[in-house]
Each structure stands twice: as C-alpha cells, then as structure tokens.
Protein backbone atom coordinates (compact mmCIF):
# COMPACT_ATOMS: atom_id res chain seq x y z
CA MET A 1 0.00 0.00 0.00
CA ASN A 2 1.31 3.45 -0.92
CA PHE A 3 0.52 6.38 1.38
CA THR A 4 0.90 10.06 0.63
CA SER A 5 0.34 12.88 3.08
CA ILE A 6 -0.45 16.43 2.07
CA PHE A 7 -0.99 19.31 4.46
CA CYS A 8 -2.61 22.36 2.99
CA LEU A 9 -4.25 25.41 4.50
CA ASP A 10 -6.75 26.19 1.85
CA ILE A 11 -9.88 28.26 1.57
CA TYR A 12 -10.51 26.84 -1.89
CA VAL A 13 -12.92 24.14 -0.83
CA GLU A 14 -13.46 22.95 -4.41
CA GLU A 15 -9.76 22.32 -4.91
CA ALA A 16 -9.40 20.46 -1.64
CA ILE A 17 -12.38 18.17 -2.39
CA SER A 18 -11.23 17.41 -5.91
CA MET A 19 -7.65 16.52 -4.89
CA ALA A 20 -7.83 15.03 -1.39
CA ASN A 21 -8.86 11.72 0.13
CA LYS A 22 -9.40 13.35 3.55
CA ILE A 23 -10.13 16.90 4.61
CA ALA A 24 -9.71 18.19 8.14
CA VAL A 25 -11.76 21.28 9.03
CA LEU A 26 -10.12 23.47 11.64
CA SER A 27 -11.78 25.85 14.08
CA LYS A 28 -10.85 29.48 14.51
CA ARG A 29 -7.84 30.31 16.68
CA PRO A 30 -6.66 28.53 18.67
CA ALA A 31 -7.20 25.93 15.96
CA THR A 32 -8.53 22.52 16.82
CA ILE A 33 -9.81 19.85 14.48
CA LYS A 34 -13.58 20.26 14.16
CA ASN A 35 -14.18 17.41 11.75
CA ILE A 36 -12.40 15.05 9.39
CA HIS A 37 -14.14 14.12 6.14
CA ASP A 38 -13.25 10.99 4.18
CA ILE A 39 -13.73 12.08 0.58
CA LYS A 40 -15.18 9.32 -1.60
CA LEU A 41 -16.10 10.52 -5.06
CA THR A 42 -17.63 8.35 -7.76
CA VAL A 43 -15.60 9.08 -10.89
CA GLU A 44 -15.66 7.20 -14.18
CA GLY A 45 -12.20 6.41 -15.51
CA THR A 46 -9.13 8.11 -14.12
CA LYS A 47 -9.68 10.46 -11.18
CA THR A 48 -8.43 13.96 -11.97
CA PRO A 49 -9.22 17.28 -10.29
CA LEU A 50 -11.56 18.16 -13.17
CA SER A 51 -13.36 14.82 -13.32
CA SER A 52 -13.77 14.86 -9.52
CA ARG A 53 -15.86 18.02 -9.76
CA GLU A 54 -18.39 16.15 -11.91
CA ALA A 55 -18.94 13.45 -9.25
CA PRO A 56 -22.48 13.38 -7.82
CA GLU A 57 -21.11 13.61 -4.25
CA PHE A 58 -19.04 16.74 -4.92
CA LYS A 59 -21.85 19.23 -4.16
CA TYR A 60 -22.70 17.48 -0.88
CA TYR A 61 -19.08 17.67 0.34
CA PHE A 62 -18.77 21.31 -0.75
CA ASN A 63 -21.92 22.41 1.08
CA THR A 64 -21.11 20.43 4.22
CA ILE A 65 -17.52 21.64 4.52
CA TRP A 66 -18.34 25.25 3.63
CA LYS A 67 -20.91 25.43 6.45
CA GLU A 68 -18.31 24.14 8.94
CA LEU A 69 -15.82 26.90 8.10
CA ASP A 70 -17.69 29.60 10.06
CA ILE A 71 -16.78 32.32 7.58
CA ASP A 72 -18.55 35.62 8.15
CA GLU A 73 -18.77 38.26 5.45
CA LYS A 74 -17.07 40.74 7.79
CA ASP A 75 -14.10 38.37 8.24
CA LYS A 76 -13.35 38.12 4.50
CA LEU A 77 -10.36 40.04 3.17
CA LEU A 78 -11.10 42.48 0.36
C-alpha cells in the first residue's frame, strides 16, 4: 500500500475536495480539528481534479464543509 500525506491550508474548498482523500476542518484560533471528512467521489475512468468536480457527491461535500468553516462576510479580506 502506498501512502501520501499532504498538508494544505486552503480556503478553496473545491480544490481540496477534488484533490484530497481526507479533509480536516479546523476551528478558529486557537485551531482545533472540528471534523475530518473521508472524501469518496464516484468518478468514471481516471480520477483527476476536473473529473472529480463532476462526481455526484461533490456538491454534498462542498456544502457540508463550507458550512463548517464559520466564515462571516465581515471576516473576509477584500
């Protein structure tokens, strides 16, 4: 079995879902792990970042993870 670890602080939820097998959602400071999502996308053929976005589960993961981020409009950088 081949294992690869990637650590990425990313606000691009779409990119994280399309490239990762697991996503950890962190709380605001001091950061703690709020939730870990096992990403299982149904993709025909070879899994690529673009083909992953067409998976039927993609929207569910996006909506679920986005809600956990606790991002307020006032906290966004302009």
